[in-house]
Amino acid sequence: MPIYEYTATQPSTSCPHCVGCFEDFARISDPELTQCPQCGAAIKRVISVASVIGGSAHVLQESHFSKRGFTQY
């Protein structure tokens, strides 16, 4: 399930929960939240950085360390 981030559209009329950014775990097919679940203030979805795992398995191999001068692993 993706993690969506939301923030208040009008910080002056919102609660401490939605003044900053808060996260919501939801299915892709679920509708976007429009109101804070705690105070009912108007909120909007914030575009955030995606978490991507790269192919760095080679970094953990012994040959990678020995090329950089490490003698004990």
Protein backbone atom coordinates (compact mmCIF):
# COMPACT_ATOMS: atom_id res chain seq x y z
CA MET A 1 0.00 0.00 0.00
CA PRO A 2 1.33 3.47 -0.82
CA ILE A 3 1.89 6.11 1.83
CA TYR A 4 0.29 9.45 1.03
CA GLU A 5 1.28 12.71 2.73
CA TYR A 6 -1.24 15.46 3.45
CA THR A 7 -1.07 18.98 4.85
CA ALA A 8 -3.62 21.63 5.80
CA THR A 9 -4.65 24.15 3.17
CA GLN A 10 -5.37 26.81 5.82
CA PRO A 11 -2.99 26.32 8.77
CA SER A 12 -4.78 28.95 10.88
CA THR A 13 -7.96 26.83 11.13
CA SER A 14 -6.41 23.40 11.59
CA CYS A 15 -5.32 21.16 14.45
CA PRO A 16 -1.73 20.18 15.39
CA HIS A 17 -2.21 16.88 13.50
CA CYS A 18 -2.69 18.49 10.09
CA VAL A 19 -0.71 21.75 10.45
CA GLY A 20 2.47 19.91 9.54
CA CYS A 21 2.55 16.93 7.23
CA PHE A 22 0.86 13.69 8.21
CA GLU A 23 0.87 10.31 6.48
CA ASP A 24 -2.00 8.06 5.44
CA PHE A 25 -1.72 4.42 4.36
CA ALA A 26 -4.32 3.83 1.66
CA ARG A 27 -4.96 1.73 -1.40
CA ILE A 28 -4.46 3.29 -4.81
CA SER A 29 -8.17 2.79 -5.48
CA ASP A 30 -9.20 4.68 -2.29
CA PRO A 31 -10.37 8.27 -2.81
CA GLU A 32 -8.04 11.12 -1.87
CA LEU A 33 -8.66 12.61 1.58
CA THR A 34 -10.13 16.12 1.56
CA GLN A 35 -10.66 16.63 5.30
CA CYS A 36 -8.44 16.01 8.33
CA PRO A 37 -9.58 12.84 10.13
CA GLN A 38 -9.23 14.58 13.53
CA CYS A 39 -10.56 18.13 13.10
CA GLY A 40 -12.29 18.14 9.70
CA ALA A 41 -10.18 21.00 8.26
CA ALA A 42 -9.51 21.12 4.53
CA ILE A 43 -6.32 19.27 3.51
CA LYS A 44 -4.43 18.57 0.29
CA ARG A 45 -2.12 15.79 -0.83
CA VAL A 46 1.57 16.69 -0.96
CA ILE A 47 3.92 15.26 -3.57
CA SER A 48 6.78 13.57 -1.76
CA VAL A 49 9.99 11.78 -2.63
CA ALA A 50 9.62 8.16 -3.63
CA SER A 51 11.69 5.48 -1.95
CA VAL A 52 13.69 3.56 -4.56
CA ILE A 53 15.97 0.61 -3.91
CA GLY A 54 18.92 0.46 -6.27
CA GLY A 55 21.03 -2.47 -7.33
CA SER A 56 23.85 -2.13 -4.82
CA ALA A 57 24.36 -5.80 -3.94
CA HIS A 58 27.87 -5.59 -5.41
CA VAL A 59 28.87 -3.13 -2.68
CA LEU A 60 28.71 -5.86 -0.04
CA GLN A 61 31.07 -8.25 -1.84
CA GLU A 62 34.60 -8.84 -0.54
CA SER A 63 36.19 -7.72 -3.80
CA HIS A 64 34.58 -4.29 -3.39
CA PHE A 65 36.22 -3.80 0.01
CA SER A 66 39.63 -5.20 -0.95
CA LYS A 67 39.86 -2.82 -3.94
CA ARG A 68 39.57 0.07 -1.49
CA GLY A 69 42.36 -1.15 0.81
CA PHE A 70 40.41 -2.85 3.58
CA THR A 71 42.10 -6.00 4.86
CA GLN A 72 39.59 -7.01 7.55
CA TYR A 73 35.87 -7.16 6.86
